C-alpha atoms as a PDB file:
ATOM      1  CA  MET A   1     -11.312  -4.778  41.112  1.00  0.00           C
ATOM      2  CA  ALA A   2     -11.698  -4.118  37.402  1.00  0.00           C
ATOM      3  CA  VAL A   3     -14.525  -6.640  37.196  1.00  0.00           C
ATOM      4  CA  GLN A   4     -16.361  -4.853  40.034  1.00  0.00           C
ATOM      5  CA  TYR A   5     -15.933  -1.508  38.261  1.00  0.00           C
ATOM      6  CA  LYS A   6     -17.457  -2.866  35.039  1.00  0.00           C
ATOM      7  CA  THR A   7     -20.431  -4.413  36.752  1.00  0.00           C
ATOM      8  CA  LYS A   8     -21.493  -1.291  38.704  1.00  0.00           C
ATOM      9  CA  PRO A   9     -24.210   0.957  37.296  1.00  0.00           C
ATOM     10  CA  PRO A  10     -23.316   4.471  35.994  1.00  0.00           C
ATOM     11  CA  SER A  11     -25.129   5.959  38.955  1.00  0.00           C
ATOM     12  CA  ASP A  12     -22.525   4.580  41.312  1.00  0.00           C
ATOM     13  CA  GLU A  13     -20.125   7.277  42.603  1.00  0.00           C
ATOM     14  CA  CYS A  14     -17.033   5.296  41.602  1.00  0.00           C
ATOM     15  CA  LYS A  15     -17.949   5.874  37.948  1.00  0.00           C
ATOM     16  CA  TRP A  16     -18.333   9.666  38.302  1.00  0.00           C
ATOM     17  CA  ILE A  17     -15.576  11.781  36.774  1.00  0.00           C
ATOM     18  CA  CYS A  18     -13.182  13.750  39.022  1.00  0.00           C
ATOM     19  CA  ILE A  19     -12.561  17.445  38.500  1.00  0.00           C
ATOM     20  CA  TYR A  20      -9.565  18.853  40.317  1.00  0.00           C
ATOM     21  CA  PRO A  21      -9.220  22.658  40.583  1.00  0.00           C
ATOM     22  CA  LEU A  22      -5.809  22.184  38.986  1.00  0.00           C
ATOM     23  CA  TYR A  23      -7.535  21.181  35.693  1.00  0.00           C
ATOM     24  CA  LEU A  24      -9.118  24.671  35.446  1.00  0.00           C
ATOM     25  CA  ASN A  25      -6.328  26.866  36.877  1.00  0.00           C
ATOM     26  CA  SER A  26      -5.001  29.447  34.458  1.00  0.00           C
ATOM     27  CA  ARG A  27      -1.752  29.821  36.392  1.00  0.00           C
ATOM     28  CA  LYS A  28      -0.780  26.258  35.579  1.00  0.00           C
ATOM     29  CA  THR A  29       0.704  24.973  32.342  1.00  0.00           C
ATOM     30  CA  ILE A  30      -0.426  21.850  30.580  1.00  0.00           C
ATOM     31  CA  ALA A  31       2.632  20.040  31.858  1.00  0.00           C
ATOM     32  CA  GLN A  32       1.607  21.070  35.386  1.00  0.00           C
ATOM     33  CA  GLY A  33      -1.838  19.534  34.937  1.00  0.00           C
ATOM     34  CA  ARG A  34      -4.141  22.123  33.348  1.00  0.00           C
ATOM     35  CA  ARG A  35      -6.651  20.466  30.980  1.00  0.00           C
ATOM     36  CA  VAL A  36      -8.573  23.375  29.506  1.00  0.00           C
ATOM     37  CA  ALA A  37      -7.495  26.122  27.123  1.00  0.00           C
ATOM     38  CA  LYS A  38      -5.797  29.034  28.853  1.00  0.00           C
ATOM     39  CA  SER A  39      -8.420  31.410  27.446  1.00  0.00           C
ATOM     40  CA  LYS A  40     -11.190  29.410  29.234  1.00  0.00           C
ATOM     41  CA  ALA A  41      -9.176  28.679  32.402  1.00  0.00           C
ATOM     42  CA  VAL A  42      -9.976  30.460  35.701  1.00  0.00           C
ATOM     43  CA  ASP A  43      -7.524  32.127  38.048  1.00  0.00           C
ATOM     44  CA  SER A  44      -7.079  29.862  41.133  1.00  0.00           C
ATOM     45  CA  PRO A  45     -10.428  28.055  41.322  1.00  0.00           C
ATOM     46  CA  THR A  46     -11.384  26.137  44.452  1.00  0.00           C
ATOM     47  CA  ALA A  47     -13.192  22.822  44.804  1.00  0.00           C
ATOM     48  CA  GLN A  48     -16.029  24.601  46.648  1.00  0.00           C
ATOM     49  CA  GLU A  49     -16.506  26.997  43.731  1.00  0.00           C
ATOM     50  CA  ILE A  50     -16.662  24.117  41.252  1.00  0.00           C
ATOM     51  CA  TYR A  51     -19.125  22.260  43.501  1.00  0.00           C
ATOM     52  CA  ASP A  52     -21.370  25.335  43.791  1.00  0.00           C
ATOM     53  CA  ILE A  53     -21.493  25.796  40.019  1.00  0.00           C
ATOM     54  CA  LEU A  54     -22.273  22.152  39.329  1.00  0.00           C
ATOM     55  CA  THR A  55     -25.024  21.861  41.928  1.00  0.00           C
ATOM     56  CA  ASN A  56     -26.500  25.177  40.749  1.00  0.00           C
ATOM     57  CA  ALA A  57     -26.696  23.659  37.227  1.00  0.00           C
ATOM     58  CA  GLY A  58     -28.656  20.734  38.714  1.00  0.00           C
ATOM     59  CA  MET A  59     -25.863  18.120  38.532  1.00  0.00           C
ATOM     60  CA  LYS A  60     -25.178  15.645  41.268  1.00  0.00           C
ATOM     61  CA  ALA A  61     -21.735  16.460  42.688  1.00  0.00           C
ATOM     62  CA  LYS A  62     -19.715  15.572  45.754  1.00  0.00           C
ATOM     63  CA  ILE A  63     -16.629  17.140  47.309  1.00  0.00           C
ATOM     64  CA  GLU A  64     -13.885  14.820  48.445  1.00  0.00           C
ATOM     65  CA  LYS A  65     -10.798  15.817  50.432  1.00  0.00           C
ATOM     66  CA  LYS A  66      -8.279  14.566  47.932  1.00  0.00           C
ATOM     67  CA  MET A  67      -5.390  16.178  46.137  1.00  0.00           C
ATOM     68  CA  HIS A  68      -4.005  15.897  42.622  1.00  0.00           C
ATOM     69  CA  PRO A  69      -0.564  14.264  42.655  1.00  0.00           C
ATOM     70  CA  LEU A  70       0.936  17.016  40.445  1.00  0.00           C
ATOM     71  CA  ASP A  71      -0.273  19.848  42.687  1.00  0.00           C
ATOM     72  CA  PRO A  72       2.660  21.081  44.806  1.00  0.00           C
ATOM     73  CA  ASN A  73       0.357  23.362  46.826  1.00  0.00           C
ATOM     74  CA  ARG A  74      -0.367  21.477  50.062  1.00  0.00           C
ATOM     75  CA  ASP A  75      -2.487  24.275  51.483  1.00  0.00           C
ATOM     76  CA  ALA A  76      -5.645  23.021  53.185  1.00  0.00           C
ATOM     77  CA  ASN A  77      -7.758  25.648  51.438  1.00  0.00           C
ATOM     78  CA  ALA A  78      -6.591  24.492  48.004  1.00  0.00           C
ATOM     79  CA  GLN A  79      -7.308  20.816  48.640  1.00  0.00           C
ATOM     80  CA  GLY A  80     -10.242  18.994  47.246  1.00  0.00           C
ATOM     81  CA  ARG A  81     -11.720  17.383  44.206  1.00  0.00           C
ATOM     82  CA  VAL A  82     -15.255  17.263  42.899  1.00  0.00           C
ATOM     83  CA  ARG A  83     -16.903  14.107  41.650  1.00  0.00           C
ATOM     84  CA  MET A  84     -19.809  14.563  39.325  1.00  0.00           C
ATOM     85  CA  SER A  85     -22.149  12.341  37.392  1.00  0.00           C
ATOM     86  CA  LEU A  86     -21.787  13.576  33.856  1.00  0.00           C
ATOM     87  CA  MET A  87     -23.423  10.570  32.208  1.00  0.00           C
ATOM     88  CA  LEU A  88     -26.554  11.004  34.256  1.00  0.00           C
ATOM     89  CA  TYR A  89     -26.592  14.719  33.467  1.00  0.00           C
ATOM     90  CA  ALA A  90     -26.508  13.933  29.786  1.00  0.00           C
ATOM     91  CA  CYS A  91     -29.279  11.441  30.215  1.00  0.00           C
ATOM     92  CA  GLU A  92     -31.424  14.052  31.918  1.00  0.00           C
ATOM     93  CA  MET A  93     -30.669  16.841  29.461  1.00  0.00           C
ATOM     94  CA  ILE A  94     -31.053  14.950  26.128  1.00  0.00           C
ATOM     95  CA  PRO A  95     -34.858  14.703  26.375  1.00  0.00           C
ATOM     96  CA  LYS A  96     -35.038  18.471  27.017  1.00  0.00           C
ATOM     97  CA  LEU A  97     -33.416  19.297  23.704  1.00  0.00           C
ATOM     98  CA  LYS A  98     -35.476  21.235  21.199  1.00  0.00           C
ATOM     99  CA  SER A  99     -34.801  18.620  18.530  1.00  0.00           C
ATOM    100  CA  ARG A 100     -36.323  15.954  20.785  1.00  0.00           C
ATOM    101  CA  GLN A 101     -39.401  18.014  21.617  1.00  0.00           C
ATOM    102  CA  ALA A 102     -40.103  19.139  18.027  1.00  0.00           C
ATOM    103  CA  GLY A 103     -41.837  15.850  17.179  1.00  0.00           C
ATOM    104  CA  GLY A 104     -38.981  13.800  15.836  1.00  0.00           C
ATOM    105  CA  GLY A 105     -39.768  14.350  12.160  1.00  0.00           C
ATOM    106  CA  ALA A 106     -36.207  15.264  11.280  1.00  0.00           C
ATOM    107  CA  THR A 107     -34.882  11.712  11.611  1.00  0.00           C
ATOM    108  CA  SER A 108     -37.355  10.239   9.152  1.00  0.00           C
ATOM    109  CA  GLN A 109     -36.363  12.613   6.332  1.00  0.00           C
ATOM    110  CA  THR A 110     -32.957  11.024   5.752  1.00  0.00           C
ATOM    111  CA  THR A 111     -32.684   9.380   2.338  1.00  0.00           C
ATOM    112  CA  VAL A 112     -30.437   6.566   1.303  1.00  0.00           C
ATOM    113  CA  THR A 113     -28.382   7.024  -1.899  1.00  0.00           C
ATOM    114  CA  GLY A 114     -27.412   3.957  -3.835  1.00  0.00           C
ATOM    115  CA  ASN A 115     -23.938   5.266  -4.789  1.00  0.00           C
ATOM    116  CA  SER A 116     -22.048   2.748  -2.680  1.00  0.00           C
ATOM    117  CA  SER A 117     -23.846  -0.201  -4.180  1.00  0.00           C
ATOM    118  CA  VAL A 118     -23.408   1.052  -7.769  1.00  0.00           C
ATOM    119  CA  THR A 119     -19.628   1.420  -7.573  1.00  0.00           C
ATOM    120  CA  GLY A 120     -19.112  -2.117  -6.425  1.00  0.00           C
ATOM    121  CA  GLY A 121     -15.878  -3.098  -4.786  1.00  0.00           C
ATOM    122  CA  THR A 122     -13.452  -0.901  -6.701  1.00  0.00           C
ATOM    123  CA  GLY A 123     -13.081   1.955  -4.272  1.00  0.00           C
ATOM    124  CA  GLY A 124     -11.297   0.479  -1.346  1.00  0.00           C
ATOM    125  CA  GLY A 125      -7.863  -0.616  -0.541  1.00  0.00           C
ATOM    126  CA  GLY A 126      -6.165  -1.599  -3.776  1.00  0.00           C
ATOM    127  CA  GLY A 127      -5.430  -5.267  -4.424  1.00  0.00           C
ATOM    128  CA  LYS A 128      -3.214  -8.022  -3.193  1.00  0.00           C
ATOM    129  CA  ALA A 129      -0.680  -7.410  -6.012  1.00  0.00           C
ATOM    130  CA  ASN A 130       0.371  -4.014  -4.689  1.00  0.00           C
ATOM    131  CA  LYS A 131       1.247  -5.168  -1.160  1.00  0.00           C
ATOM    132  CA  LYS A 132       4.780  -5.756   0.049  1.00  0.00           C
ATOM    133  CA  LYS A 133       5.803  -8.971   1.725  1.00  0.00           C
ATOM    134  CA  LYS A 134       6.372  -8.806   5.451  1.00  0.00           C
ATOM    135  CA  ARG A 135       9.581 -10.248   6.744  1.00  0.00           C
END
């Protein structure tokens, strides 16, 4: 199955990331499955709320009736996970960046300094004489 996963394009739903409401819940600890900072976490989010936010932002998302294994709440209203295509969203948003639309002159202004070639090979990892023998 790993070979099939590697050969599928990023647009395939099996490569989308999963967001469980548990990841964003401020009532959970990190040991219980929360993945964001408590200051940014939300009080009891639902999969439908996450889905609404992502689709409103223009991302492709899909609700699946799945549960996180660490979530002890087996309530039907709290079930669900959201799959979203983050890579495709990044691909769509990068061309819209101001740095991309400005004309692209900023990338040609980088200059190369010759400091690394002047110093030679002295600034690296010591020599063979300073190393200990492995047993």
